[in-house]
Amino acid sequence: MLYDHRTYTCRPGTIRKHLALYGEHGFDVQRRHLGEPAVYAAVETGDVNSYVHIWVYADAADRAARRAALAADPEWQAYLGKSAEAGYLISQVNQLMAPVPFFTPPQR
């Protein structure tokens, strides 16, 4: 199992606008290719201009195949254009994580 943990930071005062844009134009197409995220949450302490999402894949090959299909989707490309035009995002940090041997992920 592979977890793709992503943290995005928005310009101050724009996180609600960015999440509304994503909710309307990006979330459904992303779920169509990547499945349901394990977590999608806004940060409430620390950098409150940030949000986090975690996607779960069987392995690196599964992740690569799903992300390639997403990247090729014209609807996703249209969303990326809208997001770039809006200019709300200022940074993105991705971390790929694997569970430790003694941890059994909860069944969903």
C-alpha atoms as a PDB file:
ATOM      1  CA  MET A   1       0.000   0.000   0.000  1.00  0.00           C
ATOM      2  CA  LEU A   2       1.202   3.512  -0.818  1.00  0.00           C
ATOM      3  CA  TYR A   3      -0.139   6.767   0.635  1.00  0.00           C
ATOM      4  CA  ASP A   4       0.220   9.975  -1.366  1.00  0.00           C
ATOM      5  CA  HIS A   5       0.086  12.806   1.204  1.00  0.00           C
ATOM      6  CA  ARG A   6      -0.276  16.263  -0.343  1.00  0.00           C
ATOM      7  CA  THR A   7      -0.249  19.645   1.358  1.00  0.00           C
ATOM      8  CA  TYR A   8      -1.289  22.712  -0.625  1.00  0.00           C
ATOM      9  CA  THR A   9      -0.917  26.287   0.597  1.00  0.00           C
ATOM     10  CA  CYS A  10      -3.058  29.121  -0.728  1.00  0.00           C
ATOM     11  CA  ARG A  11      -2.465  32.856  -0.730  1.00  0.00           C
ATOM     12  CA  PRO A  12      -3.983  34.317   2.467  1.00  0.00           C
ATOM     13  CA  GLY A  13      -7.682  34.980   2.058  1.00  0.00           C
ATOM     14  CA  THR A  14      -8.138  32.663  -0.948  1.00  0.00           C
ATOM     15  CA  ILE A  15      -8.455  29.130   0.459  1.00  0.00           C
ATOM     16  CA  ARG A  16     -12.269  29.161   0.406  1.00  0.00           C
ATOM     17  CA  LYS A  17     -12.270  30.406  -3.190  1.00  0.00           C
ATOM     18  CA  HIS A  18      -9.743  27.762  -4.208  1.00  0.00           C
ATOM     19  CA  LEU A  19     -11.641  24.920  -2.527  1.00  0.00           C
ATOM     20  CA  ALA A  20     -14.890  26.121  -4.153  1.00  0.00           C
ATOM     21  CA  LEU A  21     -13.203  26.095  -7.579  1.00  0.00           C
ATOM     22  CA  TYR A  22     -11.792  22.625  -6.951  1.00  0.00           C
ATOM     23  CA  GLY A  23     -15.093  21.351  -5.559  1.00  0.00           C
ATOM     24  CA  GLU A  24     -16.943  22.505  -8.664  1.00  0.00           C
ATOM     25  CA  HIS A  25     -14.405  21.596 -11.361  1.00  0.00           C
ATOM     26  CA  GLY A  26     -11.761  19.200 -10.004  1.00  0.00           C
ATOM     27  CA  PHE A  27     -12.942  16.864  -7.274  1.00  0.00           C
ATOM     28  CA  ASP A  28     -15.282  14.632  -9.285  1.00  0.00           C
ATOM     29  CA  VAL A  29     -12.839  14.068 -12.136  1.00  0.00           C
ATOM     30  CA  GLN A  30     -10.013  13.377  -9.711  1.00  0.00           C
ATOM     31  CA  ARG A  31     -12.105  10.832  -7.786  1.00  0.00           C
ATOM     32  CA  ARG A  32     -13.105   9.182 -11.059  1.00  0.00           C
ATOM     33  CA  HIS A  33      -9.438   8.330 -11.681  1.00  0.00           C
ATOM     34  CA  LEU A  34      -7.888   8.116  -8.208  1.00  0.00           C
ATOM     35  CA  GLY A  35     -10.791   6.743  -6.155  1.00  0.00           C
ATOM     36  CA  GLU A  36     -11.961   8.225  -2.875  1.00  0.00           C
ATOM     37  CA  PRO A  37      -9.318  10.047  -0.852  1.00  0.00           C
ATOM     38  CA  ALA A  38      -8.571   8.689   2.627  1.00  0.00           C
ATOM     39  CA  VAL A  39      -8.422  12.282   3.920  1.00  0.00           C
ATOM     40  CA  TYR A  40      -9.368  15.687   2.525  1.00  0.00           C
ATOM     41  CA  ALA A  41      -9.163  18.366   5.190  1.00  0.00           C
ATOM     42  CA  ALA A  42      -8.460  22.040   5.785  1.00  0.00           C
ATOM     43  CA  VAL A  43      -5.761  22.891   8.312  1.00  0.00           C
ATOM     44  CA  GLU A  44      -7.249  24.490  11.437  1.00  0.00           C
ATOM     45  CA  THR A  45      -4.058  25.264  13.400  1.00  0.00           C
ATOM     46  CA  GLY A  46      -0.631  26.299  12.194  1.00  0.00           C
ATOM     47  CA  ASP A  47      -0.739  27.385   8.556  1.00  0.00           C
ATOM     48  CA  VAL A  48      -4.491  27.919   8.218  1.00  0.00           C
ATOM     49  CA  ASN A  49      -4.070  28.778   4.545  1.00  0.00           C
ATOM     50  CA  SER A  50      -3.360  25.095   3.836  1.00  0.00           C
ATOM     51  CA  TYR A  51      -5.264  21.915   3.173  1.00  0.00           C
ATOM     52  CA  VAL A  52      -4.229  18.274   3.014  1.00  0.00           C
ATOM     53  CA  HIS A  53      -5.403  15.266   1.091  1.00  0.00           C
ATOM     54  CA  ILE A  54      -4.238  11.669   1.130  1.00  0.00           C
ATOM     55  CA  TRP A  55      -4.837   9.206  -1.698  1.00  0.00           C
ATOM     56  CA  VAL A  56      -4.267   5.461  -1.307  1.00  0.00           C
ATOM     57  CA  TYR A  57      -2.770   3.217  -3.985  1.00  0.00           C
ATOM     58  CA  ALA A  58      -1.930  -0.461  -4.111  1.00  0.00           C
ATOM     59  CA  ASP A  59       1.676   0.363  -5.070  1.00  0.00           C
ATOM     60  CA  ALA A  60       3.789   2.757  -7.157  1.00  0.00           C
ATOM     61  CA  ALA A  61       2.635   1.207 -10.449  1.00  0.00           C
ATOM     62  CA  ASP A  62      -1.028   1.660  -9.477  1.00  0.00           C
ATOM     63  CA  ARG A  63      -0.335   5.290  -8.581  1.00  0.00           C
ATOM     64  CA  ALA A  64       1.501   5.936 -11.848  1.00  0.00           C
ATOM     65  CA  ALA A  65      -1.283   4.404 -13.958  1.00  0.00           C
ATOM     66  CA  ARG A  66      -4.087   6.284 -12.197  1.00  0.00           C
ATOM     67  CA  ARG A  67      -2.224   9.612 -12.260  1.00  0.00           C
ATOM     68  CA  ALA A  68      -1.410   9.164 -15.976  1.00  0.00           C
ATOM     69  CA  ALA A  69      -5.095   8.596 -16.725  1.00  0.00           C
ATOM     70  CA  LEU A  70      -5.994  11.690 -14.689  1.00  0.00           C
ATOM     71  CA  ALA A  71      -3.389  13.815 -16.482  1.00  0.00           C
ATOM     72  CA  ALA A  72      -4.771  12.714 -19.862  1.00  0.00           C
ATOM     73  CA  ASP A  73      -8.374  13.640 -18.983  1.00  0.00           C
ATOM     74  CA  PRO A  74      -9.473  16.865 -20.760  1.00  0.00           C
ATOM     75  CA  GLU A  75     -11.777  17.725 -17.861  1.00  0.00           C
ATOM     76  CA  TRP A  76      -8.788  17.636 -15.461  1.00  0.00           C
ATOM     77  CA  GLN A  77      -6.722  19.741 -17.841  1.00  0.00           C
ATOM     78  CA  ALA A  78      -9.562  22.304 -17.950  1.00  0.00           C
ATOM     79  CA  TYR A  79      -9.621  22.419 -14.141  1.00  0.00           C
ATOM     80  CA  LEU A  80      -5.833  22.910 -14.000  1.00  0.00           C
ATOM     81  CA  GLY A  81      -6.187  25.850 -16.384  1.00  0.00           C
ATOM     82  CA  LYS A  82      -8.881  27.438 -14.225  1.00  0.00           C
ATOM     83  CA  SER A  83      -6.774  26.900 -11.099  1.00  0.00           C
ATOM     84  CA  ALA A  84      -3.667  28.418 -12.690  1.00  0.00           C
ATOM     85  CA  GLU A  85      -5.675  31.388 -13.942  1.00  0.00           C
ATOM     86  CA  ALA A  86      -7.144  31.998 -10.478  1.00  0.00           C
ATOM     87  CA  GLY A  87      -3.652  31.955  -8.936  1.00  0.00           C
ATOM     88  CA  TYR A  88      -4.774  30.943  -5.446  1.00  0.00           C
ATOM     89  CA  LEU A  89      -2.075  28.298  -4.833  1.00  0.00           C
ATOM     90  CA  ILE A  90       1.416  29.260  -3.728  1.00  0.00           C
ATOM     91  CA  SER A  91       2.949  25.885  -2.852  1.00  0.00           C
ATOM     92  CA  GLN A  92       2.488  22.131  -2.963  1.00  0.00           C
ATOM     93  CA  VAL A  93       4.375  19.456  -0.995  1.00  0.00           C
ATOM     94  CA  ASN A  94       3.921  15.764  -1.813  1.00  0.00           C
ATOM     95  CA  GLN A  95       5.074  12.871   0.345  1.00  0.00           C
ATOM     96  CA  LEU A  96       4.757   9.209  -0.616  1.00  0.00           C
ATOM     97  CA  MET A  97       4.455   7.034   2.460  1.00  0.00           C
ATOM     98  CA  ALA A  98       4.258   3.286   3.108  1.00  0.00           C
ATOM     99  CA  PRO A  99       2.755   1.779   6.265  1.00  0.00           C
ATOM    100  CA  VAL A 100       5.196   0.297   8.770  1.00  0.00           C
ATOM    101  CA  PRO A 101       5.165  -3.513   9.169  1.00  0.00           C
ATOM    102  CA  PHE A 102       3.202  -3.598  12.450  1.00  0.00           C
ATOM    103  CA  PHE A 103       0.377  -1.324  11.199  1.00  0.00           C
ATOM    104  CA  THR A 104      -2.752  -2.742   9.602  1.00  0.00           C
ATOM    105  CA  PRO A 105      -4.758  -0.026   7.832  1.00  0.00           C
ATOM    106  CA  PRO A 106      -8.449   0.088   8.758  1.00  0.00           C
ATOM    107  CA  GLN A 107     -10.767  -1.467   6.194  1.00  0.00           C
ATOM    108  CA  ARG A 108     -12.867   1.031   4.308  1.00  0.00           C
END
